[in-house]
Amino acid sequence: MINDFTEKEFNNFLTLPKEKIIVAKRQHWIALIMPFFFVGTIGTLLLSGLVMVHVFFPFYLLTIIASFFLVITVVYSFLLKVYIDWYYHMYVITTRKILEIACIPFFSDIMNDVILDQVRVTEVDARTNGFFNEILDVGDVVITFDRPSHEGQFVLRNVPQPREVGTALGDEFETLMHALSVWFRKGKSPRHVKFSEDVFIPHN
């Protein structure tokens, strides 16, 4: 089992009989860097602008101070929202289902789920894109599956240890597909789940 949660936390996701957690992950903290940098840069520019206004218009001191605290409050609120969005964005894969949960308190709750006994998992891919992602061991895990009407994909984006996660899922799905899926006859056990790894490192 590969998870980022405590036992009490992931037990909330076990809703079906004989269900067990295989993987429970949040995105890597590196996903916070760009939003934090963008919000921090905008906030710094606004505060610098207020300082310049104070230099040229010192008699508006109270207004500038009020604006200063307003900018700090807004920047802090945006940074907090970015962190909450990251913290409550979870990927949970059990022996019965695949879940992506994006819960934003007071705003929205989004749940994308796939019931494993109604699909056939055909491939699990791990891919790492970029030099820093390779160094930090961050990447995507892509689960490809067949529904009765069309093919679909489920992507775990920017998760830590994508190779380990992909390997664990490939091994589990190999067993689960024959135990759960209506796609296969009993007594036959061809190897139908493929795990592959793609690593993309840009050259300078």
Protein backbone atom coordinates (compact mmCIF):
# COMPACT_ATOMS: atom_id res chain seq x y z
CA MET A 1 0.00 0.00 0.00
CA ILE A 2 1.35 3.44 -1.00
CA ASN A 3 -0.36 6.34 0.74
CA ASP A 4 0.09 9.88 2.06
CA PHE A 5 -2.72 9.63 4.60
CA THR A 6 -3.25 8.24 8.07
CA GLU A 7 -5.30 5.09 8.54
CA LYS A 8 -8.20 7.14 9.94
CA GLU A 9 -8.22 9.39 6.85
CA PHE A 10 -8.22 6.70 4.18
CA ASN A 11 -10.79 4.58 6.01
CA ASN A 12 -13.33 7.24 4.98
CA PHE A 13 -12.92 6.12 1.37
CA LEU A 14 -13.69 2.46 2.03
CA THR A 15 -17.39 2.22 1.23
CA LEU A 16 -17.70 -1.16 -0.51
CA PRO A 17 -17.48 -4.69 0.92
CA LYS A 18 -13.97 -6.17 1.27
CA GLU A 19 -12.45 -2.99 -0.10
CA LYS A 20 -8.80 -2.15 0.59
CA ILE A 21 -6.59 0.84 -0.21
CA ILE A 22 -3.90 0.32 -2.86
CA VAL A 23 -2.74 3.91 -3.41
CA ALA A 24 -3.75 7.17 -1.72
CA LYS A 25 -1.81 10.20 -2.93
CA ARG A 26 -1.79 13.97 -3.09
CA GLN A 27 0.15 15.83 -5.72
CA HIS A 28 3.79 16.57 -4.90
CA TRP A 29 4.43 19.87 -3.12
CA ILE A 30 6.24 21.08 -6.25
CA ALA A 31 2.77 21.74 -7.72
CA LEU A 32 2.48 24.64 -5.25
CA ILE A 33 5.59 26.49 -6.44
CA MET A 34 4.24 28.18 -9.57
CA PRO A 35 0.92 29.38 -8.02
CA PHE A 36 2.77 30.62 -4.91
CA PHE A 37 5.36 32.39 -7.07
CA PHE A 38 2.70 34.03 -9.25
CA VAL A 39 0.58 35.27 -6.32
CA GLY A 40 3.68 36.38 -4.39
CA THR A 41 5.00 38.33 -7.39
CA ILE A 42 1.70 40.15 -7.93
CA GLY A 43 1.50 40.97 -4.22
CA THR A 44 5.08 42.30 -4.16
CA LEU A 45 4.41 44.53 -7.18
CA LEU A 46 1.27 45.95 -5.58
CA LEU A 47 3.05 46.65 -2.29
CA SER A 48 5.94 48.28 -4.15
CA GLY A 49 3.43 50.45 -5.99
CA LEU A 50 1.94 51.58 -2.67
CA VAL A 51 5.39 52.53 -1.39
CA MET A 52 5.96 54.63 -4.50
CA VAL A 53 2.59 56.32 -4.03
CA HIS A 54 3.56 57.16 -0.45
CA VAL A 55 6.81 58.76 -1.68
CA PHE A 56 4.99 61.10 -4.06
CA PHE A 57 1.80 61.59 -2.02
CA PRO A 58 2.80 61.38 1.68
CA PHE A 59 -0.35 63.19 2.81
CA TYR A 60 -2.44 60.11 1.88
CA LEU A 61 -0.70 58.06 4.58
CA LEU A 62 -3.83 56.58 6.21
CA THR A 63 -5.27 55.56 2.85
CA ILE A 64 -1.97 53.97 1.83
CA ILE A 65 -1.72 52.05 5.12
CA ALA A 66 -5.28 50.77 4.70
CA SER A 67 -4.49 49.73 1.11
CA PHE A 68 -1.28 48.06 2.31
CA PHE A 69 -3.14 45.84 4.78
CA LEU A 70 -5.84 45.13 2.18
CA VAL A 71 -3.25 43.88 -0.31
CA ILE A 72 -1.60 41.70 2.35
CA THR A 73 -4.98 40.21 3.30
CA VAL A 74 -5.91 39.47 -0.32
CA VAL A 75 -2.50 37.91 -1.08
CA TYR A 76 -2.65 35.78 2.06
CA SER A 77 -6.20 34.66 1.16
CA PHE A 78 -5.10 33.59 -2.33
CA LEU A 79 -2.07 31.71 -0.97
CA LEU A 80 -4.29 29.95 1.56
CA LYS A 81 -6.77 28.99 -1.17
CA VAL A 82 -3.97 27.57 -3.35
CA TYR A 83 -2.76 25.45 -0.43
CA ILE A 84 -6.28 24.25 0.44
CA ASP A 85 -6.94 23.34 -3.20
CA TRP A 86 -3.75 21.26 -3.19
CA TYR A 87 -4.36 19.67 0.22
CA TYR A 88 -7.90 18.53 -0.61
CA HIS A 89 -7.06 17.27 -4.11
CA MET A 90 -6.59 13.53 -3.63
CA TYR A 91 -6.16 10.40 -5.71
CA VAL A 92 -7.42 7.22 -4.05
CA ILE A 93 -7.28 3.79 -5.68
CA THR A 94 -8.78 0.83 -3.90
CA THR A 95 -9.43 -2.78 -4.85
CA ARG A 96 -12.93 -1.75 -5.99
CA LYS A 97 -12.67 1.76 -7.46
CA ILE A 98 -10.50 4.67 -8.65
CA LEU A 99 -11.25 8.09 -7.18
CA GLU A 100 -10.13 11.65 -7.83
CA ILE A 101 -11.44 14.02 -5.18
CA ALA A 102 -11.18 17.81 -5.39
CA CYS A 103 -12.86 19.31 -2.35
CA ILE A 104 -12.74 23.10 -1.93
CA PRO A 105 -14.47 24.03 1.36
CA PHE A 106 -17.33 26.53 0.88
CA PHE A 107 -16.84 26.48 -2.92
CA SER A 108 -17.21 23.08 -4.59
CA ASP A 109 -16.85 19.32 -4.25
CA ILE A 110 -15.85 17.29 -7.30
CA MET A 111 -15.52 13.51 -7.35
CA ASN A 112 -14.47 11.53 -10.41
CA ASP A 113 -14.72 7.78 -9.93
CA VAL A 114 -14.35 4.57 -11.92
CA ILE A 115 -15.80 1.29 -10.62
CA LEU A 116 -13.23 -1.40 -11.37
CA ASP A 117 -15.64 -4.29 -11.83
CA GLN A 118 -17.25 -2.43 -14.75
CA VAL A 119 -14.06 -1.73 -16.74
CA ARG A 120 -11.00 -3.56 -18.03
CA VAL A 121 -7.67 -1.95 -17.16
CA THR A 122 -5.31 -2.48 -20.10
CA GLU A 123 -2.25 -0.40 -19.30
CA VAL A 124 -0.55 1.58 -16.55
CA ASP A 125 2.04 4.15 -17.66
CA ALA A 126 4.44 6.20 -15.54
CA ARG A 127 5.96 9.28 -17.11
CA THR A 128 8.36 11.88 -15.77
CA ASN A 129 8.70 15.11 -17.75
CA GLY A 130 11.58 17.50 -17.11
CA PHE A 131 14.91 17.61 -15.34
CA PHE A 132 13.64 18.85 -11.97
CA ASN A 133 10.77 16.36 -11.95
CA GLU A 134 13.29 13.59 -12.58
CA ILE A 135 15.50 14.80 -9.72
CA LEU A 136 12.52 15.12 -7.32
CA ASP A 137 10.93 11.87 -8.58
CA VAL A 138 7.65 13.48 -9.63
CA GLY A 139 5.47 12.50 -12.57
CA ASP A 140 2.14 11.27 -13.91
CA VAL A 141 0.63 7.82 -13.71
CA VAL A 142 -1.81 7.10 -16.55
CA ILE A 143 -4.33 4.27 -16.17
CA THR A 144 -5.90 3.21 -19.47
CA PHE A 145 -9.10 1.19 -19.36
CA ASP A 146 -11.87 -0.08 -21.62
CA ARG A 147 -15.52 0.55 -20.94
CA PRO A 148 -18.18 -1.37 -22.85
CA SER A 149 -18.71 1.67 -25.10
CA HIS A 150 -15.33 3.45 -25.29
CA GLU A 151 -11.75 3.64 -24.06
CA GLY A 152 -10.87 6.01 -21.23
CA GLN A 153 -7.96 7.23 -19.16
CA PHE A 154 -7.48 8.21 -15.55
CA VAL A 155 -4.43 10.36 -14.79
CA LEU A 156 -2.75 10.84 -11.43
CA ARG A 157 -0.91 14.11 -12.07
CA ASN A 158 2.32 15.26 -10.43
CA VAL A 159 2.40 12.47 -7.87
CA PRO A 160 5.55 11.52 -5.94
CA GLN A 161 7.30 8.26 -6.87
CA PRO A 162 5.38 7.63 -10.13
CA ARG A 163 7.40 4.51 -10.98
CA GLU A 164 6.67 2.85 -7.65
CA VAL A 165 3.00 3.82 -7.86
CA GLY A 166 2.70 2.56 -11.45
CA THR A 167 4.41 -0.73 -10.64
CA ALA A 168 2.20 -1.31 -7.60
CA LEU A 169 -0.95 -0.56 -9.59
CA GLY A 170 0.10 -2.78 -12.49
CA ASP A 171 0.66 -5.72 -10.14
CA GLU A 172 -2.63 -5.18 -8.30
CA PHE A 173 -4.70 -4.69 -11.46
CA GLU A 174 -3.28 -7.90 -12.94
CA THR A 175 -4.93 -9.82 -10.11
CA LEU A 176 -8.02 -7.66 -9.68
CA MET A 177 -9.17 -7.69 -13.30
CA HIS A 178 -9.70 -11.45 -13.28
CA ALA A 179 -11.31 -11.43 -9.85
CA LEU A 180 -13.75 -8.57 -10.54
CA SER A 181 -14.24 -7.96 -14.23
CA VAL A 182 -17.00 -9.47 -16.35
CA TRP A 183 -14.70 -9.13 -19.35
CA PHE A 184 -12.82 -12.39 -18.71
CA ARG A 185 -13.83 -16.02 -18.43
CA LYS A 186 -12.76 -18.02 -15.45
CA GLY A 187 -9.86 -20.37 -16.04
CA LYS A 188 -8.06 -18.05 -18.44
CA SER A 189 -5.36 -15.74 -17.18
CA PRO A 190 -3.59 -13.95 -20.03
CA ARG A 191 -1.41 -11.05 -18.96
CA HIS A 192 -3.56 -8.09 -19.94
CA VAL A 193 -2.32 -5.29 -17.71
CA LYS A 194 0.80 -3.62 -19.02
CA PHE A 195 3.02 -1.30 -17.01
CA SER A 196 5.31 0.96 -18.97
CA GLU A 197 7.46 3.92 -18.11
CA ASP A 198 8.21 6.98 -20.24
CA VAL A 199 10.84 9.46 -19.09
CA PHE A 200 11.20 12.75 -20.93
CA ILE A 201 14.23 14.90 -20.09
CA PRO A 202 14.72 18.04 -22.20
CA HIS A 203 18.21 18.63 -23.57
CA ASN A 204 19.75 22.07 -23.20
